[in-house]
N, C-alpha and C. Protein backbone atom coordinates (compact mmCIF):
# COMPACT_ATOMS: atom_id res chain seq x y z
N MET A 1 81.72 130.30 105.03
CA MET A 1 81.73 129.53 103.79
C MET A 1 82.75 128.41 103.90
N SER A 2 82.41 127.29 103.30
CA SER A 2 83.31 126.15 103.36
C SER A 2 84.01 125.95 102.02
N ASN A 3 85.11 125.25 102.05
CA ASN A 3 85.90 124.98 100.86
C ASN A 3 85.10 124.11 99.89
N VAL A 4 85.22 124.41 98.58
CA VAL A 4 84.47 123.69 97.56
C VAL A 4 84.83 122.20 97.53
N MET A 5 86.03 121.85 97.89
CA MET A 5 86.44 120.46 97.84
C MET A 5 85.74 119.63 98.92
N HIS A 6 85.43 120.22 100.05
CA HIS A 6 84.82 119.47 101.14
C HIS A 6 83.69 120.27 101.78
N PRO A 7 82.63 120.56 101.02
CA PRO A 7 81.51 121.28 101.63
C PRO A 7 80.85 120.41 102.69
N GLU A 8 80.22 121.06 103.65
CA GLU A 8 79.62 120.34 104.77
C GLU A 8 78.54 119.36 104.32
N TRP A 9 77.76 119.72 103.30
CA TRP A 9 76.70 118.81 102.83
C TRP A 9 77.30 117.50 102.32
N LEU A 10 78.48 117.56 101.71
CA LEU A 10 79.10 116.36 101.16
C LEU A 10 79.51 115.41 102.29
N GLU A 11 80.05 115.95 103.35
CA GLU A 11 80.43 115.09 104.48
C GLU A 11 79.19 114.45 105.09
N ARG A 12 78.09 115.22 105.22
CA ARG A 12 76.84 114.66 105.76
C ARG A 12 76.28 113.58 104.82
N LEU A 13 76.37 113.82 103.52
CA LEU A 13 75.88 112.84 102.54
C LEU A 13 76.68 111.55 102.62
N LYS A 14 77.98 111.64 102.73
CA LYS A 14 78.81 110.43 102.83
C LYS A 14 78.46 109.63 104.08
N ILE A 15 78.16 110.31 105.17
CA ILE A 15 77.74 109.63 106.39
C ILE A 15 76.40 108.93 106.16
N ALA A 16 75.46 109.61 105.49
CA ALA A 16 74.14 109.02 105.20
C ALA A 16 74.29 107.79 104.31
N VAL A 17 75.13 107.87 103.29
CA VAL A 17 75.35 106.72 102.41
C VAL A 17 75.88 105.54 103.22
N LYS A 18 76.84 105.81 104.09
CA LYS A 18 77.42 104.73 104.90
C LYS A 18 76.39 104.13 105.85
N LYS A 19 75.61 104.96 106.53
CA LYS A 19 74.62 104.47 107.49
C LYS A 19 73.49 103.70 106.81
N ASN A 20 73.20 103.99 105.55
CA ASN A 20 72.08 103.38 104.84
C ASN A 20 72.50 102.30 103.86
N ARG A 21 73.77 101.95 103.81
CA ARG A 21 74.25 101.02 102.78
C ARG A 21 73.72 99.61 102.93
N GLY A 22 73.19 99.25 104.09
CA GLY A 22 72.66 97.91 104.29
C GLY A 22 71.39 97.63 103.50
N ASP A 23 70.70 98.66 103.07
CA ASP A 23 69.47 98.51 102.29
C ASP A 23 69.77 98.89 100.85
N ALA A 24 69.67 97.91 99.94
CA ALA A 24 70.03 98.14 98.54
C ALA A 24 69.24 99.27 97.90
N HIS A 25 67.98 99.45 98.30
CA HIS A 25 67.17 100.50 97.66
C HIS A 25 67.70 101.91 97.95
N ASN A 26 68.56 102.06 98.94
CA ASN A 26 69.12 103.38 99.23
C ASN A 26 70.21 103.80 98.26
N ARG A 27 70.55 102.93 97.29
CA ARG A 27 71.52 103.30 96.25
C ARG A 27 70.85 104.04 95.10
N TYR A 28 69.51 104.05 95.09
CA TYR A 28 68.77 104.63 93.96
C TYR A 28 68.34 106.06 94.27
N LEU A 29 68.52 106.93 93.30
CA LEU A 29 68.04 108.29 93.39
C LEU A 29 67.23 108.61 92.14
N GLN A 30 66.43 109.64 92.22
CA GLN A 30 65.62 110.06 91.08
C GLN A 30 66.34 111.19 90.36
N LEU A 31 66.38 111.08 89.04
CA LEU A 31 67.02 112.10 88.22
C LEU A 31 65.97 112.71 87.30
N ALA A 32 65.87 114.02 87.34
CA ALA A 32 64.93 114.74 86.49
C ALA A 32 65.69 115.52 85.42
N THR A 33 65.24 115.33 84.18
CA THR A 33 65.79 116.04 83.03
C THR A 33 64.64 116.72 82.30
N ILE A 34 64.97 117.48 81.28
CA ILE A 34 63.97 118.06 80.40
C ILE A 34 64.01 117.27 79.09
N GLY A 35 62.86 116.71 78.71
CA GLY A 35 62.79 115.93 77.48
C GLY A 35 62.96 116.79 76.25
N VAL A 36 63.25 116.16 75.14
CA VAL A 36 63.43 116.91 73.89
C VAL A 36 62.13 117.61 73.47
N ASP A 37 60.99 117.15 74.02
CA ASP A 37 59.71 117.79 73.75
C ASP A 37 59.40 118.92 74.74
N GLY A 38 60.34 119.20 75.66
CA GLY A 38 60.16 120.27 76.63
C GLY A 38 59.48 119.84 77.91
N ASN A 39 59.04 118.60 78.00
CA ASN A 39 58.38 118.10 79.20
C ASN A 39 59.38 117.46 80.15
N PRO A 40 59.09 117.50 81.46
CA PRO A 40 60.02 116.90 82.42
C PRO A 40 60.02 115.38 82.31
N ARG A 41 61.16 114.80 82.60
CA ARG A 41 61.33 113.35 82.62
C ARG A 41 62.04 112.98 83.93
N VAL A 42 61.51 111.98 84.63
CA VAL A 42 62.12 111.53 85.88
C VAL A 42 62.34 110.03 85.78
N ARG A 43 63.47 109.57 86.25
CA ARG A 43 63.76 108.14 86.28
C ARG A 43 64.67 107.84 87.45
N MET A 44 64.65 106.55 87.83
CA MET A 44 65.54 106.08 88.89
C MET A 44 66.90 105.78 88.28
N VAL A 45 67.94 106.16 88.98
CA VAL A 45 69.30 105.85 88.56
C VAL A 45 70.04 105.31 89.78
N VAL A 46 71.15 104.65 89.52
CA VAL A 46 71.94 104.06 90.60
C VAL A 46 73.16 104.94 90.88
N PHE A 47 73.34 105.28 92.14
CA PHE A 47 74.52 106.03 92.57
C PHE A 47 75.73 105.13 92.39
N ARG A 48 76.76 105.64 91.71
CA ARG A 48 77.96 104.84 91.43
C ARG A 48 79.22 105.36 92.10
N GLY A 49 79.12 106.46 92.85
CA GLY A 49 80.29 106.92 93.58
C GLY A 49 80.43 108.43 93.57
N PHE A 50 81.38 108.86 94.36
CA PHE A 50 81.73 110.28 94.48
C PHE A 50 82.95 110.58 93.63
N SER A 51 83.08 111.83 93.23
CA SER A 51 84.28 112.28 92.53
C SER A 51 85.41 112.42 93.54
N ASP A 52 86.61 112.11 93.10
CA ASP A 52 87.78 112.32 93.95
C ASP A 52 88.22 113.77 93.94
N ALA A 53 87.85 114.50 92.88
CA ALA A 53 88.39 115.84 92.69
C ALA A 53 87.41 116.96 93.02
N ASP A 54 86.13 116.69 93.08
CA ASP A 54 85.16 117.76 93.27
C ASP A 54 84.00 117.23 94.10
N ALA A 55 83.16 118.12 94.54
CA ALA A 55 81.97 117.75 95.29
C ALA A 55 80.89 117.33 94.30
N SER A 56 80.95 116.08 93.85
CA SER A 56 80.02 115.62 92.83
C SER A 56 79.73 114.14 92.98
N LEU A 57 78.68 113.69 92.26
CA LEU A 57 78.21 112.31 92.28
C LEU A 57 78.31 111.73 90.88
N PHE A 58 78.43 110.41 90.80
CA PHE A 58 78.45 109.74 89.50
C PHE A 58 77.30 108.76 89.35
N ILE A 59 76.77 108.72 88.14
CA ILE A 59 75.87 107.67 87.68
C ILE A 59 76.43 107.22 86.34
N VAL A 60 75.89 106.13 85.80
CA VAL A 60 76.30 105.69 84.46
C VAL A 60 75.05 105.44 83.63
N THR A 61 75.22 105.48 82.32
CA THR A 61 74.10 105.23 81.42
C THR A 61 74.60 104.72 80.08
N ASP A 62 73.68 104.31 79.26
CA ASP A 62 73.96 103.83 77.91
C ASP A 62 73.80 105.01 76.95
N ALA A 63 74.76 105.21 76.09
CA ALA A 63 74.72 106.32 75.13
C ALA A 63 73.51 106.24 74.21
N ARG A 64 72.91 105.06 74.10
CA ARG A 64 71.75 104.87 73.25
C ARG A 64 70.43 105.22 73.95
N SER A 65 70.49 105.56 75.24
CA SER A 65 69.28 105.87 76.01
C SER A 65 68.78 107.28 75.70
N THR A 66 67.50 107.52 75.97
CA THR A 66 66.92 108.84 75.70
C THR A 66 67.51 109.92 76.60
N LYS A 67 68.00 109.55 77.78
CA LYS A 67 68.52 110.59 78.67
C LYS A 67 69.76 111.27 78.10
N ILE A 68 70.50 110.60 77.22
CA ILE A 68 71.68 111.23 76.61
C ILE A 68 71.25 112.42 75.74
N GLY A 69 70.22 112.24 74.93
CA GLY A 69 69.70 113.35 74.13
C GLY A 69 69.21 114.49 75.00
N GLU A 70 68.55 114.13 76.11
CA GLU A 70 68.05 115.16 77.02
C GLU A 70 69.20 115.91 77.69
N LEU A 71 70.23 115.19 78.13
CA LEU A 71 71.38 115.83 78.78
C LEU A 71 72.21 116.64 77.80
N THR A 72 72.20 116.23 76.54
CA THR A 72 72.91 117.01 75.51
C THR A 72 72.16 118.31 75.23
N LEU A 73 70.84 118.23 75.24
CA LEU A 73 70.01 119.41 75.02
C LEU A 73 70.12 120.40 76.18
N SER A 74 70.10 119.88 77.42
CA SER A 74 70.21 120.73 78.61
C SER A 74 70.94 119.95 79.69
N SER A 75 72.06 120.47 80.13
CA SER A 75 72.84 119.79 81.16
C SER A 75 72.34 120.10 82.57
N SER A 76 71.32 120.94 82.68
CA SER A 76 70.76 121.28 83.98
C SER A 76 69.77 120.21 84.40
N VAL A 77 70.01 119.60 85.58
CA VAL A 77 69.17 118.51 86.08
C VAL A 77 68.90 118.72 87.57
N GLU A 78 67.92 117.96 88.05
CA GLU A 78 67.71 117.85 89.49
C GLU A 78 67.73 116.38 89.86
N ALA A 79 68.22 116.11 91.04
CA ALA A 79 68.22 114.75 91.57
C ALA A 79 67.69 114.80 92.99
N SER A 80 66.95 113.77 93.35
CA SER A 80 66.40 113.67 94.70
C SER A 80 66.77 112.30 95.25
N TRP A 81 67.19 112.27 96.51
CA TRP A 81 67.66 111.03 97.11
C TRP A 81 67.15 110.97 98.54
N TYR A 82 66.39 109.92 98.84
CA TYR A 82 65.85 109.75 100.18
C TYR A 82 66.46 108.53 100.84
N PHE A 83 66.92 108.70 102.07
CA PHE A 83 67.51 107.61 102.85
C PHE A 83 66.52 107.20 103.93
N THR A 84 66.07 105.95 103.85
CA THR A 84 65.01 105.49 104.75
C THR A 84 65.46 105.30 106.19
N LYS A 85 66.65 104.79 106.40
CA LYS A 85 67.10 104.51 107.77
C LYS A 85 67.32 105.80 108.55
N THR A 86 67.98 106.76 107.96
CA THR A 86 68.28 108.02 108.66
C THR A 86 67.22 109.09 108.43
N ARG A 87 66.22 108.78 107.60
CA ARG A 87 65.09 109.66 107.34
C ARG A 87 65.55 111.07 106.91
N GLU A 88 66.32 111.09 105.85
CA GLU A 88 66.76 112.38 105.32
C GLU A 88 66.67 112.39 103.81
N GLN A 89 66.41 113.57 103.30
CA GLN A 89 66.27 113.77 101.86
C GLN A 89 67.28 114.81 101.38
N TYR A 90 67.86 114.52 100.23
CA TYR A 90 68.74 115.47 99.56
C TYR A 90 68.13 115.80 98.20
N ARG A 91 68.05 117.07 97.88
CA ARG A 91 67.66 117.51 96.54
C ARG A 91 68.84 118.30 95.97
N PHE A 92 69.29 117.88 94.81
CA PHE A 92 70.46 118.48 94.17
C PHE A 92 70.04 119.19 92.89
N THR A 93 70.44 120.42 92.72
CA THR A 93 70.33 121.12 91.45
C THR A 93 71.74 121.07 90.86
N CYS A 94 71.86 120.46 89.68
CA CYS A 94 73.20 120.14 89.17
C CYS A 94 73.38 120.50 87.70
N ASN A 95 74.63 120.54 87.32
CA ASN A 95 75.03 120.48 85.92
C ASN A 95 75.55 119.06 85.70
N ALA A 96 75.11 118.45 84.62
CA ALA A 96 75.56 117.09 84.29
C ALA A 96 76.65 117.16 83.24
N VAL A 97 77.72 116.42 83.47
CA VAL A 97 78.83 116.34 82.52
C VAL A 97 78.91 114.89 82.04
N LEU A 98 78.92 114.72 80.72
CA LEU A 98 78.98 113.39 80.12
C LEU A 98 80.42 113.03 79.77
N TYR A 99 80.83 111.82 80.18
CA TYR A 99 82.16 111.32 79.84
C TYR A 99 81.99 110.14 78.89
N THR A 100 82.51 110.31 77.69
CA THR A 100 82.42 109.33 76.62
C THR A 100 83.83 108.89 76.23
N PRO A 101 83.97 107.93 75.32
CA PRO A 101 85.32 107.55 74.89
C PRO A 101 86.11 108.73 74.30
N MET A 102 85.40 109.72 73.76
CA MET A 102 86.08 110.86 73.14
C MET A 102 86.36 111.99 74.14
N ASN A 103 85.76 111.91 75.34
CA ASN A 103 85.89 112.99 76.31
C ASN A 103 85.90 112.40 77.72
N ASP A 104 87.06 111.94 78.16
CA ASP A 104 87.18 111.37 79.49
C ASP A 104 88.62 111.50 79.98
N PRO A 105 89.10 112.74 80.15
CA PRO A 105 90.51 112.94 80.50
C PRO A 105 90.91 112.33 81.84
N ALA A 106 89.98 112.17 82.76
CA ALA A 106 90.32 111.61 84.08
C ALA A 106 90.01 110.12 84.19
N SER A 107 89.65 109.50 83.07
CA SER A 107 89.36 108.06 83.02
C SER A 107 88.26 107.63 84.00
N HIS A 108 87.22 108.45 84.10
CA HIS A 108 86.08 108.11 84.96
C HIS A 108 85.41 106.83 84.46
N ARG A 109 85.29 106.69 83.15
CA ARG A 109 84.59 105.53 82.58
C ARG A 109 85.25 104.22 83.02
N GLY A 110 86.57 104.15 82.90
CA GLY A 110 87.28 102.93 83.27
C GLY A 110 87.14 102.59 84.74
N ARG A 111 87.23 103.59 85.59
CA ARG A 111 87.10 103.38 87.04
C ARG A 111 85.70 102.88 87.38
N LEU A 112 84.68 103.54 86.83
CA LEU A 112 83.31 103.15 87.12
C LEU A 112 82.96 101.80 86.51
N TRP A 113 83.48 101.53 85.31
CA TRP A 113 83.22 100.25 84.65
C TRP A 113 83.78 99.10 85.49
N SER A 114 84.99 99.23 85.96
CA SER A 114 85.62 98.14 86.71
C SER A 114 84.93 97.90 88.05
N ALA A 115 84.20 98.89 88.56
CA ALA A 115 83.48 98.73 89.83
C ALA A 115 82.12 98.06 89.65
N LEU A 116 81.65 97.92 88.40
CA LEU A 116 80.35 97.29 88.14
C LEU A 116 80.46 95.77 88.24
N SER A 117 79.38 95.15 88.69
CA SER A 117 79.31 93.69 88.71
C SER A 117 79.20 93.18 87.27
N GLU A 118 79.46 91.91 87.07
CA GLU A 118 79.33 91.30 85.74
C GLU A 118 77.90 91.46 85.19
N PRO A 119 76.84 91.20 86.00
CA PRO A 119 75.48 91.41 85.47
C PRO A 119 75.21 92.87 85.08
N ALA A 120 75.73 93.82 85.85
CA ALA A 120 75.53 95.24 85.51
C ALA A 120 76.27 95.59 84.21
N GLN A 121 77.47 95.06 84.04
CA GLN A 121 78.21 95.30 82.80
C GLN A 121 77.48 94.70 81.60
N SER A 122 76.92 93.52 81.78
CA SER A 122 76.29 92.83 80.65
C SER A 122 75.12 93.63 80.06
N GLN A 123 74.47 94.46 80.85
CA GLN A 123 73.34 95.26 80.36
C GLN A 123 73.75 96.21 79.24
N PHE A 124 74.99 96.61 79.24
CA PHE A 124 75.47 97.55 78.22
C PHE A 124 75.72 96.88 76.87
N PHE A 125 75.58 95.55 76.82
CA PHE A 125 75.74 94.82 75.57
C PHE A 125 74.39 94.35 75.01
N TRP A 126 73.31 94.65 75.72
CA TRP A 126 71.98 94.29 75.27
C TRP A 126 71.61 95.12 74.05
N ARG A 127 70.48 94.79 73.46
CA ARG A 127 69.96 95.58 72.34
C ARG A 127 69.66 97.01 72.80
N SER A 128 69.55 97.92 71.84
CA SER A 128 69.33 99.34 72.14
C SER A 128 68.13 99.55 73.05
N PRO A 129 68.32 100.32 74.15
CA PRO A 129 67.22 100.54 75.07
C PRO A 129 66.08 101.34 74.42
N GLY A 130 64.85 101.01 74.82
CA GLY A 130 63.69 101.76 74.37
C GLY A 130 63.07 101.30 73.06
N LEU A 131 63.74 100.42 72.33
CA LEU A 131 63.19 99.93 71.07
C LEU A 131 62.30 98.71 71.35
N PRO A 132 61.38 98.40 70.44
CA PRO A 132 60.56 97.20 70.63
C PRO A 132 61.45 95.96 70.77
N VAL A 133 60.97 95.00 71.56
CA VAL A 133 61.72 93.77 71.81
C VAL A 133 62.14 93.13 70.49
N GLY A 134 63.41 92.77 70.41
CA GLY A 134 63.96 92.12 69.22
C GLY A 134 64.56 93.09 68.23
N GLU A 135 64.29 94.40 68.39
CA GLU A 135 64.85 95.38 67.45
C GLU A 135 66.10 96.01 68.05
N GLY A 136 66.92 96.58 67.19
CA GLY A 136 68.16 97.22 67.62
C GLY A 136 69.29 96.21 67.66
N ASP A 137 70.47 96.74 67.66
CA ASP A 137 71.65 95.89 67.63
C ASP A 137 72.18 95.63 69.03
N ALA A 138 72.54 94.39 69.30
CA ALA A 138 73.26 94.04 70.52
C ALA A 138 74.74 94.26 70.22
N LEU A 139 75.51 94.52 71.26
CA LEU A 139 76.94 94.76 71.09
C LEU A 139 77.72 93.51 71.44
N ASP A 140 78.85 93.33 70.79
CA ASP A 140 79.74 92.22 71.10
C ASP A 140 80.70 92.65 72.20
N ARG A 141 80.91 91.78 73.15
CA ARG A 141 81.86 92.08 74.21
C ARG A 141 83.26 91.76 73.73
N CYS A 142 84.16 92.74 73.85
CA CYS A 142 85.55 92.56 73.41
C CYS A 142 86.47 92.96 74.56
N GLY A 143 86.98 92.00 75.28
CA GLY A 143 87.91 92.29 76.36
C GLY A 143 87.22 92.83 77.61
N ASP A 144 88.02 93.49 78.44
CA ASP A 144 87.53 94.00 79.71
C ASP A 144 87.17 95.48 79.68
N ASP A 145 87.38 96.13 78.56
CA ASP A 145 87.11 97.56 78.47
C ASP A 145 85.62 97.82 78.29
N PRO A 146 85.15 98.99 78.74
CA PRO A 146 83.74 99.31 78.54
C PRO A 146 83.45 99.53 77.06
N PRO A 147 82.22 99.23 76.63
CA PRO A 147 81.87 99.51 75.24
C PRO A 147 81.80 101.02 75.03
N ASP A 148 81.87 101.44 73.79
CA ASP A 148 81.81 102.87 73.48
C ASP A 148 80.50 103.51 73.93
N THR A 149 79.46 102.70 74.12
CA THR A 149 78.16 103.22 74.53
C THR A 149 78.06 103.44 76.04
N PHE A 150 79.09 103.07 76.79
CA PHE A 150 79.10 103.26 78.24
C PHE A 150 79.48 104.71 78.54
N VAL A 151 78.57 105.43 79.20
CA VAL A 151 78.78 106.86 79.50
C VAL A 151 78.75 107.06 81.01
N ALA A 152 79.76 107.73 81.52
CA ALA A 152 79.78 108.14 82.92
C ALA A 152 79.17 109.55 82.97
N VAL A 153 78.29 109.77 83.93
CA VAL A 153 77.64 111.07 84.08
C VAL A 153 78.01 111.61 85.45
N GLU A 154 78.65 112.77 85.46
CA GLU A 154 79.01 113.43 86.71
C GLU A 154 77.97 114.51 86.99
N LEU A 155 77.39 114.44 88.17
CA LEU A 155 76.42 115.44 88.60
C LEU A 155 77.16 116.43 89.51
N LEU A 156 77.30 117.66 89.02
CA LEU A 156 78.03 118.71 89.75
C LEU A 156 77.01 119.64 90.41
N PRO A 157 76.76 119.47 91.71
CA PRO A 157 75.75 120.29 92.36
C PRO A 157 76.10 121.77 92.42
N ARG A 158 75.07 122.58 92.19
CA ARG A 158 75.15 124.03 92.39
C ARG A 158 74.39 124.42 93.65
N ARG A 159 73.40 123.58 93.98
CA ARG A 159 72.55 123.83 95.15
C ARG A 159 72.16 122.49 95.75
N VAL A 160 72.20 122.40 97.07
CA VAL A 160 71.83 121.17 97.77
C VAL A 160 70.86 121.55 98.88
N ASP A 161 69.69 120.91 98.85
CA ASP A 161 68.65 121.12 99.86
C ASP A 161 68.59 119.83 100.68
N HIS A 162 69.00 119.92 101.94
CA HIS A 162 69.08 118.75 102.81
C HIS A 162 68.03 118.87 103.91
N LEU A 163 67.12 117.88 103.97
CA LEU A 163 66.04 117.87 104.97
C LEU A 163 66.19 116.62 105.83
N VAL A 164 66.27 116.82 107.13
CA VAL A 164 66.32 115.72 108.08
C VAL A 164 64.97 115.66 108.78
N LEU A 165 64.33 114.49 108.68
CA LEU A 165 63.02 114.29 109.30
C LEU A 165 63.21 113.58 110.63
N GLY A 166 62.19 113.53 111.44
CA GLY A 166 62.27 112.84 112.72
C GLY A 166 61.77 113.74 113.82
N LYS A 167 62.18 113.44 115.05
CA LYS A 167 61.72 114.21 116.21
C LYS A 167 62.09 115.68 116.06
N THR A 168 63.32 115.92 115.66
CA THR A 168 63.77 117.29 115.42
C THR A 168 64.06 117.42 113.93
N GLN A 169 63.24 118.21 113.24
CA GLN A 169 63.45 118.38 111.81
C GLN A 169 64.40 119.55 111.56
N ARG A 170 65.30 119.32 110.59
CA ARG A 170 66.27 120.35 110.21
C ARG A 170 66.34 120.41 108.69
N ARG A 171 66.55 121.61 108.18
CA ARG A 171 66.71 121.78 106.74
C ARG A 171 67.81 122.80 106.50
N THR A 172 68.67 122.47 105.56
CA THR A 172 69.80 123.34 105.22
C THR A 172 69.89 123.48 103.71
N ILE A 173 70.09 124.70 103.26
CA ILE A 173 70.32 124.97 101.84
C ILE A 173 71.79 125.34 101.68
N SER A 174 72.47 124.61 100.81
CA SER A 174 73.87 124.92 100.48
C SER A 174 73.92 125.34 99.03
N GLU A 175 74.62 126.45 98.76
CA GLU A 175 74.73 126.94 97.39
C GLU A 175 76.18 127.25 97.07
N ARG A 176 76.52 126.94 95.83
CA ARG A 176 77.88 127.18 95.35
C ARG A 176 77.92 128.48 94.57
N PHE A 177 78.84 129.34 94.94
CA PHE A 177 79.10 130.59 94.23
C PHE A 177 80.58 130.61 93.88
N ASP A 178 80.86 130.57 92.59
CA ASP A 178 82.24 130.44 92.12
C ASP A 178 82.85 129.18 92.74
N ASP A 179 83.88 129.32 93.55
CA ASP A 179 84.54 128.15 94.15
C ASP A 179 84.26 128.00 95.63
N GLU A 180 83.21 128.64 96.13
CA GLU A 180 82.89 128.57 97.55
C GLU A 180 81.45 128.13 97.75
N TRP A 181 81.21 127.43 98.84
CA TRP A 181 79.88 127.01 99.24
C TRP A 181 79.41 127.86 100.41
N SER A 182 78.15 128.28 100.37
CA SER A 182 77.54 128.92 101.53
C SER A 182 76.45 127.99 102.02
N GLU A 183 76.19 128.00 103.30
CA GLU A 183 75.20 127.13 103.89
C GLU A 183 74.27 127.94 104.78
N THR A 184 72.96 127.76 104.57
CA THR A 184 71.97 128.50 105.32
C THR A 184 70.94 127.55 105.94
N PRO A 185 70.82 127.52 107.26
CA PRO A 185 69.73 126.76 107.86
C PRO A 185 68.40 127.48 107.56
N VAL A 186 67.39 126.71 107.18
CA VAL A 186 66.08 127.29 106.87
C VAL A 186 65.01 126.49 107.61
N ASN A 187 63.80 127.06 107.67
CA ASN A 187 62.69 126.34 108.29
C ASN A 187 62.37 125.10 107.44
N PRO A 188 62.08 123.96 108.10
CA PRO A 188 61.79 122.73 107.34
C PRO A 188 60.56 122.86 106.45
């Protein structure tokens, strides 16, 4: 078993991110939630970084988006990420933690906000997502701080399924039990 702070899958993932960073589409992963109607919902999200303190990933979203209601209803999610250059897939079974202005003791929001480009930041001041064009309120930009609607989402994996394709295919299942990770090679 490996230490929870540096499980083997995380080191492999960081290498994959580095090797695939030349292609912008490799920053996108699919996030699956359960809708308020009980049906699955899948959408593309942008990877925004790793946690410094735990084996986890960050994405960001607008508090006015439908995924916030879904994540509030059930924090259990799955994410899938495929890297084209290295031909490997990661499937994560995670708990999602939402960081808002009222709940962000480690200041994840500020760190992630400052790493966004100006065009990416500007999207958080647009009218409410999902409403008909022209409806909903746009937000006023005040200073350099993120708006209250900016939410950092930490994906804390409980299980990681890593598949490497190519001449020699390999698949590994990593699972977290308490504070330890176990890793099992399985048939692809």
